[in-house]
């Protein structure tokens, strides 16, 4: 596994917190899933 530090606008971080909580997963897992889904489209 790699570590990646990302600066997010506060509004985007709040949305990330909200959506990951709704999904019942950690923010890190939400981000990893989102990146994987985006990569599959290419």
PDB file of N, CA and C in Angstrom:
ATOM      1  N   UNK A   1       0.837  -1.184   0.000  1.00  0.00           N
ATOM      2  CA  UNK A   1       0.000   0.000   0.000  1.00  0.00           C
ATOM      3  C   UNK A   1       0.875   1.238   0.000  1.00  0.00           C
ATOM      4  N   UNK A   2       0.400   2.261  -0.649  1.00  0.00           N
ATOM      5  CA  UNK A   2       1.092   3.545  -0.681  1.00  0.00           C
ATOM      6  C   UNK A   2       0.326   4.562   0.141  1.00  0.00           C
ATOM      7  N   UNK A   3       1.045   5.569   0.582  1.00  0.00           N
ATOM      8  CA  UNK A   3       0.428   6.672   1.307  1.00  0.00           C
ATOM      9  C   UNK A   3       0.418   7.891   0.405  1.00  0.00           C
ATOM     10  N   UNK A   4      -0.696   8.604   0.391  1.00  0.00           N
ATOM     11  CA  UNK A   4      -0.846   9.799  -0.421  1.00  0.00           C
ATOM     12  C   UNK A   4      -1.513  10.867   0.426  1.00  0.00           C
ATOM     13  N   UNK A   5      -0.861  11.987   0.571  1.00  0.00           N
ATOM     14  CA  UNK A   5      -1.454  13.118   1.287  1.00  0.00           C
ATOM     15  C   UNK A   5      -2.106  14.043   0.278  1.00  0.00           C
ATOM     16  N   UNK A   6      -3.359  14.397   0.525  1.00  0.00           N
ATOM     17  CA  UNK A   6      -4.109  15.241  -0.404  1.00  0.00           C
ATOM     18  C   UNK A   6      -4.734  16.392   0.355  1.00  0.00           C
ATOM     19  N   UNK A   7      -4.551  17.601  -0.166  1.00  0.00           N
ATOM     20  CA  UNK A   7      -5.225  18.770   0.396  1.00  0.00           C
ATOM     21  C   UNK A   7      -6.570  18.931  -0.294  1.00  0.00           C
ATOM     22  N   UNK A   8      -7.640  18.952   0.505  1.00  0.00           N
ATOM     23  CA  UNK A   8      -8.986  19.106  -0.030  1.00  0.00           C
ATOM     24  C   UNK A   8      -9.594  20.404   0.483  1.00  0.00           C
ATOM     25  N   UNK A   9     -10.418  21.048  -0.332  1.00  0.00           N
ATOM     26  CA  UNK A   9     -11.183  22.176   0.191  1.00  0.00           C
ATOM     27  C   UNK A   9     -12.083  21.677   1.326  1.00  0.00           C
ATOM     28  N   UNK A  10     -12.338  22.532   2.286  1.00  0.00           N
ATOM     29  CA  UNK A  10     -13.171  22.132   3.434  1.00  0.00           C
ATOM     30  C   UNK A  10     -14.524  21.588   3.000  1.00  0.00           C
ATOM     31  N   UNK A  11     -15.126  22.198   1.997  1.00  0.00           N
ATOM     32  CA  UNK A  11     -16.449  21.760   1.545  1.00  0.00           C
ATOM     33  C   UNK A  11     -16.394  20.336   0.980  1.00  0.00           C
ATOM     34  N   UNK A  12     -15.342  20.016   0.257  1.00  0.00           N
ATOM     35  CA  UNK A  12     -15.201  18.671  -0.296  1.00  0.00           C
ATOM     36  C   UNK A  12     -14.925  17.652   0.803  1.00  0.00           C
ATOM     37  N   UNK A  13     -14.151  18.043   1.801  1.00  0.00           N
ATOM     38  CA  UNK A  13     -13.875  17.135   2.915  1.00  0.00           C
ATOM     39  C   UNK A  13     -15.153  16.853   3.700  1.00  0.00           C
ATOM     40  N   UNK A  14     -15.977  17.872   3.895  1.00  0.00           N
ATOM     41  CA  UNK A  14     -17.252  17.652   4.602  1.00  0.00           C
ATOM     42  C   UNK A  14     -18.144  16.676   3.829  1.00  0.00           C
ATOM     43  N   UNK A  15     -18.163  16.823   2.503  1.00  0.00           N
ATOM     44  CA  UNK A  15     -18.962  15.917   1.678  1.00  0.00           C
ATOM     45  C   UNK A  15     -18.406  14.498   1.752  1.00  0.00           C
ATOM     46  N   UNK A  16     -17.087  14.381   1.748  1.00  0.00           N
ATOM     47  CA  UNK A  16     -16.434  13.083   1.897  1.00  0.00           C
ATOM     48  C   UNK A  16     -16.828  12.438   3.222  1.00  0.00           C
ATOM     49  N   UNK A  17     -16.781  13.209   4.299  1.00  0.00           N
ATOM     50  CA  UNK A  17     -17.178  12.690   5.611  1.00  0.00           C
ATOM     51  C   UNK A  17     -18.624  12.203   5.585  1.00  0.00           C
ATOM     52  N   UNK A  18     -19.495  13.001   4.997  1.00  0.00           N
ATOM     53  CA  UNK A  18     -20.917  12.676   4.938  1.00  0.00           C
ATOM     54  C   UNK A  18     -21.162  11.393   4.137  1.00  0.00           C
ATOM     55  N   UNK A  19     -20.579  11.320   2.954  1.00  0.00           N
ATOM     56  CA  UNK A  19     -20.828  10.172   2.084  1.00  0.00           C
ATOM     57  C   UNK A  19     -20.204   8.888   2.629  1.00  0.00           C
ATOM     58  N   UNK A  20     -18.999   8.981   3.175  1.00  0.00           N
ATOM     59  CA  UNK A  20     -18.374   7.775   3.715  1.00  0.00           C
ATOM     60  C   UNK A  20     -19.140   7.265   4.937  1.00  0.00           C
ATOM     61  N   UNK A  21     -19.676   8.178   5.726  1.00  0.00           N
ATOM     62  CA  UNK A  21     -20.487   7.763   6.872  1.00  0.00           C
ATOM     63  C   UNK A  21     -21.768   7.079   6.401  1.00  0.00           C
ATOM     64  N   UNK A  22     -22.395   7.622   5.370  1.00  0.00           N
ATOM     65  CA  UNK A  22     -23.610   7.003   4.820  1.00  0.00           C
ATOM     66  C   UNK A  22     -23.321   5.596   4.307  1.00  0.00           C
ATOM     67  N   UNK A  23     -22.148   5.412   3.721  1.00  0.00           N
ATOM     68  CA  UNK A  23     -21.763   4.109   3.190  1.00  0.00           C
ATOM     69  C   UNK A  23     -21.257   3.168   4.286  1.00  0.00           C
ATOM     70  N   UNK A  24     -20.944   3.724   5.448  1.00  0.00           N
ATOM     71  CA  UNK A  24     -20.451   2.907   6.552  1.00  0.00           C
ATOM     72  C   UNK A  24     -19.014   2.453   6.365  1.00  0.00           C
ATOM     73  N   UNK A  25     -18.230   3.275   5.662  1.00  0.00           N
ATOM     74  CA  UNK A  25     -16.827   2.932   5.415  1.00  0.00           C
ATOM     75  C   UNK A  25     -15.938   4.102   5.813  1.00  0.00           C
ATOM     76  N   UNK A  26     -14.654   3.815   5.981  1.00  0.00           N
ATOM     77  CA  UNK A  26     -13.689   4.857   6.321  1.00  0.00           C
ATOM     78  C   UNK A  26     -13.506   5.798   5.130  1.00  0.00           C
ATOM     79  N   UNK A  27     -13.125   7.024   5.415  1.00  0.00           N
ATOM     80  CA  UNK A  27     -12.866   7.999   4.359  1.00  0.00           C
ATOM     81  C   UNK A  27     -11.806   7.492   3.393  1.00  0.00           C
ATOM     82  N   UNK A  28     -10.773   6.847   3.915  1.00  0.00           N
ATOM     83  CA  UNK A  28      -9.705   6.323   3.064  1.00  0.00           C
ATOM     84  C   UNK A  28     -10.236   5.275   2.094  1.00  0.00           C
ATOM     85  N   UNK A  29     -11.128   4.415   2.572  1.00  0.00           N
ATOM     86  CA  UNK A  29     -11.717   3.388   1.705  1.00  0.00           C
ATOM     87  C   UNK A  29     -12.620   4.024   0.664  1.00  0.00           C
ATOM     88  N   UNK A  30     -13.354   5.048   1.049  1.00  0.00           N
ATOM     89  CA  UNK A  30     -14.221   5.751   0.107  1.00  0.00           C
ATOM     90  C   UNK A  30     -13.392   6.341  -1.032  1.00  0.00           C
ATOM     91  N   UNK A  31     -12.288   6.989  -0.667  1.00  0.00           N
ATOM     92  CA  UNK A  31     -11.412   7.599  -1.676  1.00  0.00           C
ATOM     93  C   UNK A  31     -10.822   6.522  -2.585  1.00  0.00           C
ATOM     94  N   UNK A  32     -10.335   5.434  -2.008  1.00  0.00           N
ATOM     95  CA  UNK A  32      -9.746   4.358  -2.803  1.00  0.00           C
ATOM     96  C   UNK A  32     -10.768   3.787  -3.784  1.00  0.00           C
ATOM     97  N   UNK A  33     -11.995   3.619  -3.335  1.00  0.00           N
ATOM     98  CA  UNK A  33     -13.050   3.095  -4.199  1.00  0.00           C
ATOM     99  C   UNK A  33     -13.372   4.086  -5.318  1.00  0.00           C
ATOM    100  N   UNK A  34     -13.451   5.360  -4.990  1.00  0.00           N
ATOM    101  CA  UNK A  34     -13.738   6.384  -5.988  1.00  0.00           C
ATOM    102  C   UNK A  34     -12.651   6.436  -7.061  1.00  0.00           C
ATOM    103  N   UNK A  35     -11.388   6.344  -6.647  1.00  0.00           N
ATOM    104  CA  UNK A  35     -10.280   6.358  -7.606  1.00  0.00           C
ATOM    105  C   UNK A  35     -10.335   5.105  -8.481  1.00  0.00           C
ATOM    106  N   UNK A  36     -10.599   3.957  -7.873  1.00  0.00           N
ATOM    107  CA  UNK A  36     -10.687   2.708  -8.638  1.00  0.00           C
ATOM    108  C   UNK A  36     -11.807   2.781  -9.670  1.00  0.00           C
ATOM    109  N   UNK A  37     -12.957   3.311  -9.283  1.00  0.00           N
ATOM    110  CA  UNK A  37     -14.081   3.433 -10.219  1.00  0.00           C
ATOM    111  C   UNK A  37     -13.724   4.367 -11.367  1.00  0.00           C
ATOM    112  N   UNK A  38     -13.060   5.452 -11.069  1.00  0.00           N
ATOM    113  CA  UNK A  38     -12.654   6.399 -12.110  1.00  0.00           C
ATOM    114  C   UNK A  38     -11.649   5.746 -13.064  1.00  0.00           C
ATOM    115  N   UNK A  39     -10.710   4.990 -12.546  1.00  0.00           N
ATOM    116  CA  UNK A  39      -9.710   4.331 -13.373  1.00  0.00           C
ATOM    117  C   UNK A  39     -10.324   3.294 -14.307  1.00  0.00           C
ATOM    118  N   UNK A  40     -11.390   2.648 -13.853  1.00  0.00           N
ATOM    119  CA  UNK A  40     -12.049   1.636 -14.694  1.00  0.00           C
ATOM    120  C   UNK A  40     -12.697   2.246 -15.928  1.00  0.00           C
ATOM    121  N   UNK A  41     -12.983   3.519 -15.887  1.00  0.00           N
ATOM    122  CA  UNK A  41     -13.640   4.193 -17.017  1.00  0.00           C
ATOM    123  C   UNK A  41     -12.665   4.524 -18.128  1.00  0.00           C
ATOM    124  N   UNK A  42     -11.380   4.391 -17.855  1.00  0.00           N
ATOM    125  CA  UNK A  42     -10.365   4.725 -18.868  1.00  0.00           C
ATOM    126  C   UNK A  42      -9.778   3.501 -19.494  1.00  0.00           C
TER     127      UNK A  42
END
